[in-house]
């Protein structure tokens, strides 16, 4: 993912938490300083939310996608208990 106007890194954080690579351009050095910590916080929050969903789910299933024997993606499916 390329973000030519990186800001504080929110888009990059979401990309990384979804298993994507991110390239960010930011001219303002004050914003650029915020990016590494923000990316880590977004990724940690996403992992915590996924763990909570898994914990409260009645059913979970993981589907792994491959191409040429190489793993290219994964989808986790959950049905929350009501």
C-alpha atoms as a PDB file:
ATOM      1  CA  UNK A   1       0.000   0.000   0.000  1.00  0.00           C
ATOM      2  CA  UNK A   2       1.377   3.411  -0.923  1.00  0.00           C
ATOM      3  CA  UNK A   3       0.230   6.443   1.047  1.00  0.00           C
ATOM      4  CA  UNK A   4       1.786   9.613  -0.397  1.00  0.00           C
ATOM      5  CA  UNK A   5       0.210  11.719   2.385  1.00  0.00           C
ATOM      6  CA  UNK A   6       1.054   9.545   5.403  1.00  0.00           C
ATOM      7  CA  UNK A   7      -0.021  11.876   8.194  1.00  0.00           C
ATOM      8  CA  UNK A   8       0.233  10.053  11.510  1.00  0.00           C
ATOM      9  CA  UNK A   9       0.242   6.598   9.875  1.00  0.00           C
ATOM     10  CA  UNK A  10      -3.336   5.404  10.335  1.00  0.00           C
ATOM     11  CA  UNK A  11      -3.629   3.961   6.817  1.00  0.00           C
ATOM     12  CA  UNK A  12      -0.278   2.218   7.182  1.00  0.00           C
ATOM     13  CA  UNK A  13      -1.326   0.776  10.550  1.00  0.00           C
ATOM     14  CA  UNK A  14      -4.485  -0.694   9.082  1.00  0.00           C
ATOM     15  CA  UNK A  15      -2.537  -2.100   6.129  1.00  0.00           C
ATOM     16  CA  UNK A  16       0.059  -3.743   8.379  1.00  0.00           C
ATOM     17  CA  UNK A  17      -2.597  -5.162  10.717  1.00  0.00           C
ATOM     18  CA  UNK A  18      -4.169  -6.813   7.655  1.00  0.00           C
ATOM     19  CA  UNK A  19      -0.903  -8.394   6.533  1.00  0.00           C
ATOM     20  CA  UNK A  20      -0.027  -5.842   3.869  1.00  0.00           C
ATOM     21  CA  UNK A  21       3.188  -3.907   3.324  1.00  0.00           C
ATOM     22  CA  UNK A  22       3.055  -0.124   3.582  1.00  0.00           C
ATOM     23  CA  UNK A  23       5.135   2.672   2.073  1.00  0.00           C
ATOM     24  CA  UNK A  24       4.421   6.082   3.560  1.00  0.00           C
ATOM     25  CA  UNK A  25       5.533   9.546   2.466  1.00  0.00           C
ATOM     26  CA  UNK A  26       5.189  12.423   4.940  1.00  0.00           C
ATOM     27  CA  UNK A  27       6.843  15.830   4.629  1.00  0.00           C
ATOM     28  CA  UNK A  28       6.058  17.084   8.137  1.00  0.00           C
ATOM     29  CA  UNK A  29       8.731  15.739  10.513  1.00  0.00           C
ATOM     30  CA  UNK A  30       6.395  16.062  13.510  1.00  0.00           C
ATOM     31  CA  UNK A  31       3.898  13.676  11.913  1.00  0.00           C
ATOM     32  CA  UNK A  32       6.673  11.396  10.654  1.00  0.00           C
ATOM     33  CA  UNK A  33       7.848  10.881  14.260  1.00  0.00           C
ATOM     34  CA  UNK A  34       4.383   9.594  15.209  1.00  0.00           C
ATOM     35  CA  UNK A  35       4.125   6.928  12.498  1.00  0.00           C
ATOM     36  CA  UNK A  36       6.118   3.979  13.968  1.00  0.00           C
ATOM     37  CA  UNK A  37       4.337   4.051  17.342  1.00  0.00           C
ATOM     38  CA  UNK A  38       0.925   4.566  15.734  1.00  0.00           C
ATOM     39  CA  UNK A  39       1.389   1.598  13.390  1.00  0.00           C
ATOM     40  CA  UNK A  40       2.318  -0.637  16.338  1.00  0.00           C
ATOM     41  CA  UNK A  41      -0.681   0.550  18.408  1.00  0.00           C
ATOM     42  CA  UNK A  42      -3.129  -0.052  15.544  1.00  0.00           C
ATOM     43  CA  UNK A  43      -1.730  -3.527  14.906  1.00  0.00           C
ATOM     44  CA  UNK A  44      -1.891  -4.435  18.621  1.00  0.00           C
ATOM     45  CA  UNK A  45      -5.471  -3.154  18.897  1.00  0.00           C
ATOM     46  CA  UNK A  46      -6.532  -5.186  15.845  1.00  0.00           C
ATOM     47  CA  UNK A  47      -4.930  -8.331  17.300  1.00  0.00           C
ATOM     48  CA  UNK A  48      -6.680  -7.773  20.652  1.00  0.00           C
ATOM     49  CA  UNK A  49     -10.039  -7.272  18.924  1.00  0.00           C
ATOM     50  CA  UNK A  50      -9.563 -10.470  16.898  1.00  0.00           C
ATOM     51  CA  UNK A  51      -8.663 -12.414  20.044  1.00  0.00           C
ATOM     52  CA  UNK A  52     -11.797 -11.108  21.797  1.00  0.00           C
ATOM     53  CA  UNK A  53     -13.996 -12.096  18.858  1.00  0.00           C
ATOM     54  CA  UNK A  54     -12.463 -15.579  18.775  1.00  0.00           C
ATOM     55  CA  UNK A  55     -12.985 -15.951  22.519  1.00  0.00           C
ATOM     56  CA  UNK A  56     -16.686 -15.029  22.267  1.00  0.00           C
ATOM     57  CA  UNK A  57     -17.446 -17.008  19.119  1.00  0.00           C
ATOM     58  CA  UNK A  58     -19.424 -20.201  18.864  1.00  0.00           C
ATOM     59  CA  UNK A  59     -17.861 -21.168  15.552  1.00  0.00           C
ATOM     60  CA  UNK A  60     -14.622 -20.299  13.907  1.00  0.00           C
ATOM     61  CA  UNK A  61     -13.111 -21.356  10.654  1.00  0.00           C
ATOM     62  CA  UNK A  62      -9.930 -20.345   8.894  1.00  0.00           C
ATOM     63  CA  UNK A  63      -9.610 -20.507   5.152  1.00  0.00           C
ATOM     64  CA  UNK A  64      -6.118 -20.229   3.711  1.00  0.00           C
ATOM     65  CA  UNK A  65      -5.597 -19.206   0.102  1.00  0.00           C
ATOM     66  CA  UNK A  66      -2.589 -20.468  -1.837  1.00  0.00           C
ATOM     67  CA  UNK A  67      -1.209 -19.931  -5.313  1.00  0.00           C
ATOM     68  CA  UNK A  68       1.487 -22.213  -6.678  1.00  0.00           C
ATOM     69  CA  UNK A  69       1.880 -23.812  -3.252  1.00  0.00           C
ATOM     70  CA  UNK A  70       2.614 -20.437  -1.621  1.00  0.00           C
ATOM     71  CA  UNK A  71       0.297 -18.960   0.992  1.00  0.00           C
ATOM     72  CA  UNK A  72      -1.139 -15.691  -0.313  1.00  0.00           C
ATOM     73  CA  UNK A  73      -3.921 -14.926   2.159  1.00  0.00           C
ATOM     74  CA  UNK A  74      -6.191 -16.030   4.946  1.00  0.00           C
ATOM     75  CA  UNK A  75      -9.754 -15.355   6.069  1.00  0.00           C
ATOM     76  CA  UNK A  76     -10.976 -16.052   9.610  1.00  0.00           C
ATOM     77  CA  UNK A  77     -14.745 -16.561   9.900  1.00  0.00           C
ATOM     78  CA  UNK A  78     -16.606 -16.224  13.207  1.00  0.00           C
ATOM     79  CA  UNK A  79     -20.200 -16.375  14.378  1.00  0.00           C
ATOM     80  CA  UNK A  80     -20.613 -14.460  17.612  1.00  0.00           C
ATOM     81  CA  UNK A  81     -22.729 -15.946  20.373  1.00  0.00           C
ATOM     82  CA  UNK A  82     -25.954 -14.005  20.897  1.00  0.00           C
END
